[in-house]
Structures are given as structure tokens and as C-alpha cells.
């Protein structure tokens, strides 16, 4: 009888439990995703060629 009560409780709360777990994992993953985007931007900036410098000489 206890097993039946346990299974009924599990089935009733399982959807909410799964939703809460998914939401929590998304909240944990968000900062890592932002970090990955920042790292990708830095890597792209390092790989792109630098524009030529417009250096004027002192004799002009």
C-alpha cells in the first residue's frame, strides 16, 4: 500500500519536478553560455587582421 501511495505522489509531482530541474539547469548554463560568447569574440578579434595604423611622421 505504501508503494502505491509513493507511486501516485511521484506521478503527480513528476511533471513539476522535471520542469523545475530543466529551469534550474538553464539558469546554471546561462552564465557559461555568456562566457563562451565572450571567449569566441576575443578569439575572433585576435584572428582578424589589424587595420593599418595612420601614423604621421614628425617631419610633416
C-alpha atoms as a PDB file:
ATOM      1  CA  UNK A   1       0.000   0.000   0.000  1.00  0.00           C
ATOM      2  CA  UNK A   2       2.843   2.371   0.769  1.00  0.00           C
ATOM      3  CA  UNK A   3       4.336   1.681  -2.637  1.00  0.00           C
ATOM      4  CA  UNK A   4       1.079   2.669  -4.290  1.00  0.00           C
ATOM      5  CA  UNK A   5       0.955   5.965  -2.369  1.00  0.00           C
ATOM      6  CA  UNK A   6       4.568   6.648  -3.252  1.00  0.00           C
ATOM      7  CA  UNK A   7       3.972   5.992  -6.944  1.00  0.00           C
ATOM      8  CA  UNK A   8       0.855   8.165  -7.028  1.00  0.00           C
ATOM      9  CA  UNK A   9       2.740  11.009  -5.371  1.00  0.00           C
ATOM     10  CA  UNK A  10       5.637  10.542  -7.749  1.00  0.00           C
ATOM     11  CA  UNK A  11       3.374  10.586 -10.798  1.00  0.00           C
ATOM     12  CA  UNK A  12       1.526  13.686  -9.587  1.00  0.00           C
ATOM     13  CA  UNK A  13       4.692  15.668  -8.896  1.00  0.00           C
ATOM     14  CA  UNK A  14       6.946  14.341 -11.639  1.00  0.00           C
ATOM     15  CA  UNK A  15       5.986  16.916 -14.286  1.00  0.00           C
ATOM     16  CA  UNK A  16       6.629  19.822 -11.939  1.00  0.00           C
ATOM     17  CA  UNK A  17       9.861  18.235 -10.715  1.00  0.00           C
ATOM     18  CA  UNK A  18      11.092  17.788 -14.295  1.00  0.00           C
ATOM     19  CA  UNK A  19      10.171  21.370 -15.158  1.00  0.00           C
ATOM     20  CA  UNK A  20      11.967  22.695 -12.072  1.00  0.00           C
ATOM     21  CA  UNK A  21      15.096  20.669 -12.900  1.00  0.00           C
ATOM     22  CA  UNK A  22      15.107  21.916 -16.508  1.00  0.00           C
ATOM     23  CA  UNK A  23      14.634  25.532 -15.382  1.00  0.00           C
ATOM     24  CA  UNK A  24      17.427  25.228 -12.825  1.00  0.00           C
ATOM     25  CA  UNK A  25      19.832  23.757 -15.363  1.00  0.00           C
ATOM     26  CA  UNK A  26      19.034  26.562 -17.801  1.00  0.00           C
ATOM     27  CA  UNK A  27      19.787  29.143 -15.108  1.00  0.00           C
ATOM     28  CA  UNK A  28      23.090  27.422 -14.358  1.00  0.00           C
ATOM     29  CA  UNK A  29      24.026  27.204 -18.042  1.00  0.00           C
ATOM     30  CA  UNK A  30      23.275  30.851 -18.907  1.00  0.00           C
ATOM     31  CA  UNK A  31      26.466  32.357 -17.380  1.00  0.00           C
ATOM     32  CA  UNK A  32      28.599  29.708 -19.085  1.00  0.00           C
ATOM     33  CA  UNK A  33      26.943  30.484 -22.413  1.00  0.00           C
ATOM     34  CA  UNK A  34      27.744  34.192 -21.969  1.00  0.00           C
ATOM     35  CA  UNK A  35      31.322  33.311 -21.075  1.00  0.00           C
ATOM     36  CA  UNK A  36      31.607  31.168 -24.200  1.00  0.00           C
ATOM     37  CA  UNK A  37      30.292  34.023 -26.355  1.00  0.00           C
ATOM     38  CA  UNK A  38      32.842  36.424 -24.846  1.00  0.00           C
ATOM     39  CA  UNK A  39      35.685  33.981 -25.431  1.00  0.00           C
ATOM     40  CA  UNK A  40      34.547  33.480 -29.037  1.00  0.00           C
ATOM     41  CA  UNK A  41      34.501  37.261 -29.578  1.00  0.00           C
ATOM     42  CA  UNK A  42      38.031  37.586 -28.212  1.00  0.00           C
ATOM     43  CA  UNK A  43      39.274  34.747 -30.405  1.00  0.00           C
ATOM     44  CA  UNK A  44      37.645  36.266 -33.494  1.00  0.00           C
ATOM     45  CA  UNK A  45      39.225  39.633 -32.699  1.00  0.00           C
ATOM     46  CA  UNK A  46      42.647  38.024 -32.379  1.00  0.00           C
ATOM     47  CA  UNK A  47      42.262  36.170 -35.682  1.00  0.00           C
ATOM     48  CA  UNK A  48      41.091  39.160 -37.725  1.00  0.00           C
ATOM     49  CA  UNK A  49      43.805  41.245 -39.340  1.00  0.00           C
ATOM     50  CA  UNK A  50      44.539  44.556 -37.719  1.00  0.00           C
ATOM     51  CA  UNK A  51      43.669  47.670 -39.724  1.00  0.00           C
ATOM     52  CA  UNK A  52      46.671  49.734 -40.867  1.00  0.00           C
ATOM     53  CA  UNK A  53      47.748  52.467 -38.497  1.00  0.00           C
ATOM     54  CA  UNK A  54      47.652  56.012 -39.797  1.00  0.00           C
ATOM     55  CA  UNK A  55      50.905  57.150 -38.258  1.00  0.00           C
ATOM     56  CA  UNK A  56      52.105  60.579 -39.212  1.00  0.00           C
ATOM     57  CA  UNK A  57      55.780  61.223 -39.039  1.00  0.00           C
ATOM     58  CA  UNK A  58      57.120  64.162 -37.046  1.00  0.00           C
ATOM     59  CA  UNK A  59      58.692  65.746 -40.136  1.00  0.00           C
ATOM     60  CA  UNK A  60      55.359  66.502 -41.803  1.00  0.00           C
END
